[in-house]
Protein backbone atom coordinates (compact mmCIF):
# COMPACT_ATOMS: atom_id res chain seq x y z
CA MET A 1 8.00 -14.66 -39.35
CA LYS A 2 10.01 -17.86 -39.55
CA ILE A 3 10.48 -19.66 -36.21
CA ALA A 4 13.18 -22.14 -35.22
CA VAL A 5 12.18 -24.75 -32.62
CA VAL A 6 15.13 -26.56 -31.07
CA PHE A 7 15.28 -29.63 -28.86
CA GLY A 8 17.83 -32.28 -28.02
CA THR A 9 16.39 -34.56 -25.33
CA ARG A 10 13.26 -36.54 -24.60
CA PRO A 11 11.78 -34.03 -22.10
CA GLU A 12 12.29 -31.19 -24.55
CA ILE A 13 10.50 -33.10 -27.31
CA ILE A 14 7.55 -33.76 -25.01
CA LYS A 15 7.28 -30.25 -23.61
CA LEU A 16 7.69 -28.51 -26.96
CA SER A 17 5.15 -30.76 -28.71
CA PRO A 18 2.11 -28.63 -27.66
CA ILE A 19 3.86 -25.54 -29.02
CA ILE A 20 4.69 -27.29 -32.28
CA ARG A 21 1.05 -28.39 -32.61
CA ALA A 22 -0.11 -24.83 -31.95
CA LEU A 23 2.29 -23.52 -34.61
CA GLU A 24 0.87 -26.07 -37.07
CA GLU A 25 -2.71 -25.04 -36.26
CA LYS A 26 -1.82 -21.43 -37.02
CA ALA A 27 -0.06 -22.48 -40.25
CA GLN A 28 3.03 -20.71 -38.96
CA ASP A 29 6.32 -20.90 -40.85
CA PHE A 30 8.66 -22.92 -38.64
CA PHE A 31 11.33 -25.60 -38.73
CA ILE A 32 12.83 -28.00 -36.19
CA ILE A 33 16.45 -28.54 -35.20
CA HIS A 34 17.34 -31.66 -33.20
CA THR A 35 20.81 -31.58 -31.63
CA ASN A 36 20.50 -35.28 -30.75
CA GLN A 37 21.86 -34.74 -27.27
CA HIS A 38 19.82 -37.86 -26.53
CA TYR A 39 21.20 -40.16 -29.19
CA ASP A 40 19.64 -43.45 -28.09
CA LYS A 41 16.79 -44.46 -30.44
CA ASN A 42 14.57 -45.34 -27.48
CA MET A 43 15.27 -41.98 -25.86
CA ASP A 44 14.05 -39.77 -28.69
CA GLU A 45 13.03 -41.30 -32.03
CA ILE A 46 10.15 -43.19 -30.48
CA PHE A 47 8.81 -39.98 -28.94
CA LEU A 48 8.85 -38.10 -32.25
CA LYS A 49 6.87 -40.91 -33.84
CA GLU A 50 4.36 -41.34 -31.03
CA LEU A 51 3.65 -37.62 -30.79
CA SER A 52 3.12 -37.36 -34.57
CA LEU A 53 5.46 -34.41 -34.83
CA PRO A 54 6.59 -33.01 -38.19
CA GLU A 55 9.89 -34.12 -39.65
CA VAL A 56 13.06 -32.68 -38.15
CA LYS A 57 14.75 -30.45 -40.73
CA TYR A 58 18.21 -30.52 -39.16
CA ASN A 59 19.72 -33.29 -37.01
CA LEU A 60 23.09 -32.30 -35.56
CA ARG A 61 23.86 -35.82 -34.23
CA ILE A 62 25.95 -34.44 -31.38
CA GLY A 63 25.68 -37.45 -29.04
CA SER A 64 27.55 -37.79 -25.79
CA GLY A 65 30.65 -36.08 -24.45
CA SER A 66 31.73 -33.72 -21.72
CA HIS A 67 29.58 -30.66 -21.06
CA ALA A 68 32.09 -28.39 -22.80
CA ASN A 69 32.49 -30.78 -25.73
CA MET A 70 28.73 -31.07 -26.33
CA THR A 71 28.04 -27.38 -25.85
CA GLY A 72 30.89 -26.35 -28.13
CA LYS A 73 29.88 -28.71 -30.94
CA MET A 74 26.27 -27.58 -30.77
CA LEU A 75 27.26 -23.92 -30.78
CA ILE A 76 29.37 -24.36 -33.91
CA GLU A 77 26.86 -26.51 -35.81
CA VAL A 78 23.73 -24.53 -35.03
CA GLU A 79 25.35 -21.21 -35.96
CA HIS A 80 25.63 -22.33 -39.59
CA ILE A 81 21.94 -23.20 -39.67
CA LEU A 82 20.78 -19.97 -38.06
CA ILE A 83 22.86 -17.89 -40.48
CA GLU A 84 21.37 -19.75 -43.44
CA GLU A 85 17.75 -19.88 -42.24
CA LYS A 86 17.59 -16.42 -40.61
CA PRO A 87 14.68 -17.20 -38.25
CA GLY A 88 12.85 -14.31 -36.62
CA ILE A 89 12.74 -16.10 -33.28
CA LEU A 90 14.25 -19.16 -31.60
CA ILE A 91 12.21 -21.32 -29.19
CA VAL A 92 13.99 -23.47 -26.59
CA GLN A 93 12.76 -25.29 -23.51
CA GLY A 94 14.29 -26.16 -20.17
CA ASP A 95 17.83 -26.51 -18.90
CA THR A 96 19.94 -28.76 -21.11
CA ASN A 97 23.26 -28.15 -22.86
CA THR A 98 21.19 -27.87 -26.03
CA VAL A 99 19.26 -24.92 -24.61
CA LEU A 100 22.37 -23.00 -23.58
CA ALA A 101 24.35 -23.69 -26.75
CA VAL A 102 21.69 -22.70 -29.28
CA SER A 103 20.69 -19.68 -27.21
CA LEU A 104 24.27 -18.44 -27.17
CA ALA A 105 24.45 -18.87 -30.94
CA ALA A 106 21.17 -17.01 -31.42
CA THR A 107 21.94 -14.06 -29.17
CA LYS A 108 25.26 -13.43 -30.93
CA LEU A 109 23.32 -13.35 -34.22
CA HIS A 110 20.73 -10.97 -32.72
CA ILE A 111 17.94 -13.56 -33.03
CA PRO A 112 15.30 -13.14 -30.27
CA ILE A 113 15.06 -16.10 -27.88
CA ALA A 114 11.89 -17.52 -26.31
CA HIS A 115 12.71 -19.63 -23.26
CA VAL A 116 9.91 -22.00 -22.30
CA GLU A 117 9.88 -23.04 -18.62
CA ALA A 118 12.06 -20.10 -17.61
CA GLY A 119 12.76 -19.01 -14.06
CA LEU A 120 13.18 -22.41 -12.44
CA ARG A 121 15.79 -22.45 -9.68
CA SER A 122 17.07 -25.28 -7.49
CA TYR A 123 19.85 -23.12 -6.01
CA SER A 124 22.31 -25.98 -6.32
CA LYS A 125 25.56 -26.38 -8.21
CA ILE A 126 24.34 -28.67 -10.96
CA PRO A 127 24.92 -28.18 -14.71
CA GLU A 128 21.19 -27.71 -15.36
CA GLU A 129 21.09 -24.73 -13.01
CA THR A 130 23.93 -23.03 -14.89
CA ASN A 131 22.19 -23.64 -18.20
CA ARG A 132 18.84 -22.24 -17.12
CA VAL A 133 20.25 -19.16 -15.36
CA LEU A 134 22.43 -18.16 -18.32
CA THR A 135 19.65 -18.78 -20.82
CA ASP A 136 17.24 -16.65 -18.81
CA ARG A 137 19.72 -13.76 -18.84
CA ILE A 138 19.87 -13.63 -22.64
CA SER A 139 16.25 -14.48 -23.49
CA ASP A 140 13.72 -11.99 -24.84
CA TYR A 141 10.57 -13.93 -23.95
CA LEU A 142 10.61 -15.78 -20.63
CA PHE A 143 7.63 -18.11 -20.34
CA VAL A 144 7.27 -19.14 -16.70
CA PRO A 145 4.98 -21.84 -15.28
CA THR A 146 3.73 -19.95 -12.20
CA GLN A 147 3.93 -16.69 -10.29
CA THR A 148 6.78 -18.19 -8.26
CA GLN A 149 9.14 -18.05 -11.25
CA PHE A 150 7.85 -14.57 -12.17
CA GLU A 151 8.97 -13.29 -8.77
CA ILE A 152 12.33 -15.09 -9.03
CA LEU A 153 13.13 -13.50 -12.38
CA LYS A 154 11.89 -10.08 -11.31
CA ASN A 155 14.13 -10.23 -8.24
CA GLU A 156 17.05 -11.19 -10.49
CA GLY A 157 16.54 -7.99 -12.45
CA ILE A 158 14.74 -9.32 -15.53
CA PRO A 159 12.35 -6.65 -16.88
CA GLU A 160 8.76 -7.59 -16.07
CA ASN A 161 7.59 -7.01 -19.65
CA LYS A 162 9.76 -9.94 -20.77
CA ILE A 163 8.17 -12.38 -18.31
CA HIS A 164 4.91 -14.20 -19.08
CA VAL A 165 3.10 -16.51 -16.64
CA VAL A 166 1.61 -19.19 -18.90
CA GLY A 167 1.53 -22.52 -17.02
CA ASN A 168 3.56 -25.53 -18.12
CA THR A 169 3.34 -27.37 -21.42
CA VAL A 170 3.87 -30.65 -19.54
CA VAL A 171 0.18 -30.42 -18.58
CA ASP A 172 -0.86 -29.91 -22.20
CA ALA A 173 1.20 -32.90 -23.28
CA ALA A 174 0.00 -35.20 -20.50
CA LEU A 175 -3.67 -34.35 -20.86
CA GLN A 176 -3.58 -34.48 -24.67
CA ASN A 177 -1.96 -37.91 -24.69
CA ILE A 178 -3.11 -39.87 -21.64
CA GLU A 179 -6.46 -40.81 -23.17
CA ILE A 180 -4.75 -41.84 -26.41
CA ALA A 181 -2.32 -43.91 -24.35
CA LYS A 182 -5.05 -45.71 -22.42
CA GLN A 183 -6.92 -46.56 -25.61
CA ASN A 184 -3.92 -47.71 -27.62
CA LYS A 185 -1.46 -49.15 -25.13
CA ASN A 186 -1.40 -52.44 -23.21
CA THR A 187 1.49 -51.33 -21.07
CA LEU A 188 0.38 -52.90 -17.80
CA GLN A 189 -0.51 -56.24 -19.37
CA GLU A 190 2.77 -56.41 -21.29
CA LEU A 191 4.75 -55.84 -18.08
CA ASN A 192 2.50 -58.11 -16.01
CA LEU A 193 1.46 -55.27 -13.71
CA GLU A 194 -1.65 -54.34 -11.78
CA SER A 195 -2.61 -50.74 -11.18
CA LYS A 196 -1.30 -49.32 -7.87
CA GLU A 197 0.76 -52.44 -7.16
CA TYR A 198 4.18 -51.13 -8.18
CA ILE A 199 6.69 -48.35 -7.60
CA LEU A 200 7.93 -46.41 -10.62
CA PHE A 201 11.62 -45.55 -10.17
CA THR A 202 13.92 -43.48 -12.39
CA ALA A 203 17.39 -42.04 -11.84
CA HIS A 204 19.66 -40.38 -14.35
CA ARG A 205 21.31 -37.29 -12.85
CA GLU A 206 25.08 -37.51 -12.56
CA GLU A 207 25.13 -36.76 -8.83
CA ASN A 208 22.98 -39.88 -8.29
CA VAL A 209 24.21 -42.40 -10.82
CA ASP A 210 27.88 -41.57 -11.39
CA LYS A 211 28.88 -42.42 -7.81
CA LYS A 212 28.83 -46.09 -6.87
CA GLU A 213 27.97 -45.51 -3.21
CA VAL A 214 24.99 -43.27 -4.02
CA LEU A 215 23.53 -45.51 -6.73
CA ALA A 216 24.03 -48.66 -4.64
CA SER A 217 22.39 -46.98 -1.63
CA LEU A 218 19.36 -45.96 -3.71
CA ILE A 219 18.92 -49.53 -4.97
CA GLU A 220 19.28 -50.93 -1.45
CA GLU A 221 16.67 -48.56 0.00
CA LEU A 222 14.31 -49.24 -2.89
CA THR A 223 14.65 -52.97 -2.21
CA ILE A 224 13.75 -52.47 1.45
CA LEU A 225 10.74 -50.24 0.77
CA SER A 226 9.30 -52.42 -1.99
CA ALA A 227 9.58 -55.54 0.20
CA ARG A 228 8.00 -53.76 3.16
CA HIS A 229 4.94 -52.83 1.10
CA ASP A 230 4.89 -55.91 -1.17
CA LEU A 231 5.26 -53.79 -4.30
CA LYS A 232 7.11 -54.49 -7.52
CA VAL A 233 9.54 -51.86 -8.81
CA ILE A 234 9.54 -50.83 -12.46
CA PHE A 235 12.83 -49.22 -13.41
CA PRO A 236 13.04 -47.77 -16.96
CA ALA A 237 16.81 -47.39 -17.09
CA HIS A 238 18.44 -44.39 -18.71
CA PRO A 239 21.46 -45.54 -20.80
CA ARG A 240 23.79 -43.68 -18.43
CA THR A 241 22.30 -45.44 -15.40
CA LYS A 242 22.34 -48.89 -17.00
CA LYS A 243 25.98 -48.43 -17.97
CA ASN A 244 26.91 -47.50 -14.41
CA LEU A 245 24.99 -50.40 -12.87
CA GLU A 246 27.15 -52.71 -14.97
CA LYS A 247 30.33 -50.71 -14.31
CA PHE A 248 29.82 -50.79 -10.54
CA ASN A 249 28.66 -54.45 -10.51
CA ILE A 250 25.42 -53.52 -8.78
CA GLU A 251 23.00 -56.44 -8.93
CA LEU A 252 19.27 -55.85 -8.81
CA PRO A 253 17.01 -58.08 -6.69
CA GLU A 254 14.18 -60.01 -8.33
CA ASN A 255 11.45 -57.51 -7.44
CA ILE A 256 13.24 -54.63 -9.21
CA HIS A 257 12.45 -54.99 -12.89
CA LEU A 258 14.87 -53.06 -15.08
CA ILE A 259 13.40 -52.29 -18.48
CA GLU A 260 14.67 -50.38 -21.50
CA PRO A 261 13.65 -46.70 -21.90
CA ILE A 262 10.05 -46.64 -23.08
CA GLY A 263 7.90 -44.40 -25.19
CA TYR A 264 6.06 -41.39 -23.85
CA LEU A 265 2.61 -42.96 -24.07
CA ASP A 266 3.78 -46.04 -22.17
CA MET A 267 5.40 -43.81 -19.55
CA LEU A 268 2.18 -41.86 -19.03
CA VAL A 269 0.35 -45.12 -18.35
CA LEU A 270 3.06 -46.23 -15.90
CA ILE A 271 2.98 -42.90 -14.05
CA GLN A 272 -0.80 -42.80 -13.73
CA ASN A 273 -1.06 -46.38 -12.49
CA ALA A 274 1.94 -46.39 -10.13
CA LYS A 275 1.35 -46.47 -6.39
CA ILE A 276 4.15 -43.94 -6.01
CA VAL A 277 6.96 -42.42 -8.09
CA LEU A 278 10.58 -42.16 -6.91
CA THR A 279 12.66 -40.04 -9.26
CA ASP A 280 15.37 -37.45 -9.77
CA SER A 281 13.64 -36.18 -12.93
CA GLY A 282 12.14 -32.71 -12.93
CA GLY A 283 9.67 -33.54 -15.67
CA LEU A 284 8.49 -36.67 -13.91
CA GLN A 285 7.70 -34.61 -10.81
CA GLU A 286 5.38 -32.49 -12.94
CA GLU A 287 3.82 -35.43 -14.77
CA ALA A 288 3.16 -37.29 -11.51
CA CYS A 289 1.53 -34.15 -10.11
CA THR A 290 -0.62 -33.79 -13.23
CA LEU A 291 -1.67 -37.45 -13.26
CA LYS A 292 -2.36 -37.57 -9.49
CA THR A 293 0.40 -39.94 -8.39
CA PRO A 294 2.38 -39.23 -5.19
CA CYS A 295 6.07 -38.49 -5.75
CA VAL A 296 9.32 -38.60 -3.78
CA THR A 297 12.18 -36.64 -5.32
CA LEU A 298 15.67 -38.12 -4.92
CA ARG A 299 17.50 -34.80 -4.92
CA GLU A 300 18.45 -32.22 -2.31
CA SER A 301 16.30 -29.52 -3.89
CA THR A 302 13.72 -29.05 -6.62
CA GLU A 303 12.99 -26.33 -9.13
CA ARG A 304 9.36 -27.44 -8.94
CA PRO A 305 8.53 -26.21 -5.39
CA GLU A 306 4.85 -25.92 -6.30
CA THR A 307 4.59 -29.72 -6.27
CA VAL A 308 5.84 -29.72 -2.68
CA ASP A 309 3.65 -26.79 -1.63
CA ILE A 310 0.46 -28.58 -2.68
CA GLY A 311 1.46 -31.90 -1.11
CA ALA A 312 2.10 -33.87 -4.32
CA ASN A 313 5.83 -34.30 -3.73
CA ILE A 314 8.46 -34.55 -1.00
CA VAL A 315 12.13 -33.73 -1.63
CA ALA A 316 14.08 -36.45 0.19
CA GLY A 317 17.58 -36.30 -1.22
CA THR A 318 19.54 -39.56 -1.19
CA ASP A 319 19.80 -40.25 2.53
CA PRO A 320 18.12 -43.64 3.16
CA GLN A 321 16.37 -42.50 6.33
CA LYS A 322 14.90 -39.42 4.66
CA ILE A 323 13.80 -41.46 1.65
CA SER A 324 12.07 -43.95 3.95
CA GLU A 325 10.29 -41.20 5.89
CA ALA A 326 9.17 -39.46 2.69
CA PHE A 327 8.02 -42.74 1.16
CA GLU A 328 5.87 -43.60 4.19
CA ALA A 329 4.39 -40.10 4.21
CA MET A 330 3.43 -40.26 0.53
CA ILE A 331 2.54 -43.92 -0.10
CA ASN A 332 -1.11 -43.52 0.87
CA LYS A 333 -1.39 -39.76 0.40
CA PRO A 334 -4.79 -38.56 -0.86
CA THR A 335 -4.38 -37.21 -4.39
CA THR A 336 -6.83 -34.35 -4.15
CA TRP A 337 -4.41 -31.55 -4.95
CA ALA A 338 -5.13 -28.95 -7.65
CA ASN A 339 -2.60 -28.77 -10.48
CA PRO A 340 -0.48 -25.60 -10.08
CA PHE A 341 0.82 -25.74 -13.66
CA GLY A 342 -2.33 -24.82 -15.56
CA THR A 343 -5.21 -26.49 -17.34
CA GLY A 344 -3.56 -27.53 -20.60
CA GLN A 345 -3.65 -24.39 -22.76
CA THR A 346 -0.03 -23.32 -22.34
CA GLY A 347 1.22 -24.15 -25.85
CA GLU A 348 -1.54 -22.13 -27.52
CA THR A 349 -0.98 -19.23 -25.10
CA ILE A 350 2.75 -19.09 -25.88
CA VAL A 351 2.21 -19.11 -29.63
CA ASN A 352 -0.42 -16.37 -29.35
CA ILE A 353 2.05 -14.19 -27.46
CA LEU A 354 4.79 -14.77 -30.02
CA VAL A 355 2.84 -14.43 -33.26
CA GLY A 356 -0.58 -13.09 -32.29
């Protein structure tokens, strides 16, 4: 059976890499489609190289645009490929426009869909929530990280035989690569950092970075907290965020060090050695949990409630007072929690379910 693996963004590349490796180990017939939803070289090409993934067969080069524009272009372009290749199954991961578009194309061609990281819900009106809910409704294999997502999907009426609790491939990827990163990267030295003496900060979601008052408030609160605890701030800036900082004329203080997007191995080193992570990224919440670094989530809700349940994460939103309270609660938090997302065998488990 021929398998199509589709990704379009950095997190998808990372989280699908253990599945791709498992497909290679089984000598399975598969090919890769890259929609290029992330079109910045530093946002995707570097990850493909670092993870030693096989060559992408199709690159759609979609790039930026409105949600409808991106989704429509992807839907049109990927349909041609699926008709020509006739895969027996399509594998997608997560909640991006890429996931929804290619899944819509596949279901209309009667190609079974495997949705990795299914069942996540933030119960908020964000584009990612729409993408994941709709993709779950049309998928044939729903691979969920924990029993929490199993119950969510069951209560939404998804047949239980379609749902598989497998853990999260983010654990596979982090554990497979952190040792390689430590042996081959001089990330801390290159950035003049000491372990546990900096805050790692990321922000990219439109509700946080497309509004001047929200983005400026986040920077102001980060400045206060870092000064209070005498910590540097490392800020790998998403292209969208960097563009808006310039657009809104938001100046960063000296202790906030804005850097270009970095490779996955470098990011693993930064996460593991940070004193604390402040982020609106779902994947970073999981990676911080896996690598035993306390996290504060700069959103009103999270589709990773397990990280909160075990004490690895606090959801603070963007209110300065709540961020401050969460930061103080987490800054010296013992990191003794057990990882709720598995032990690192998820990619192999998924492939075994799909192809035996």
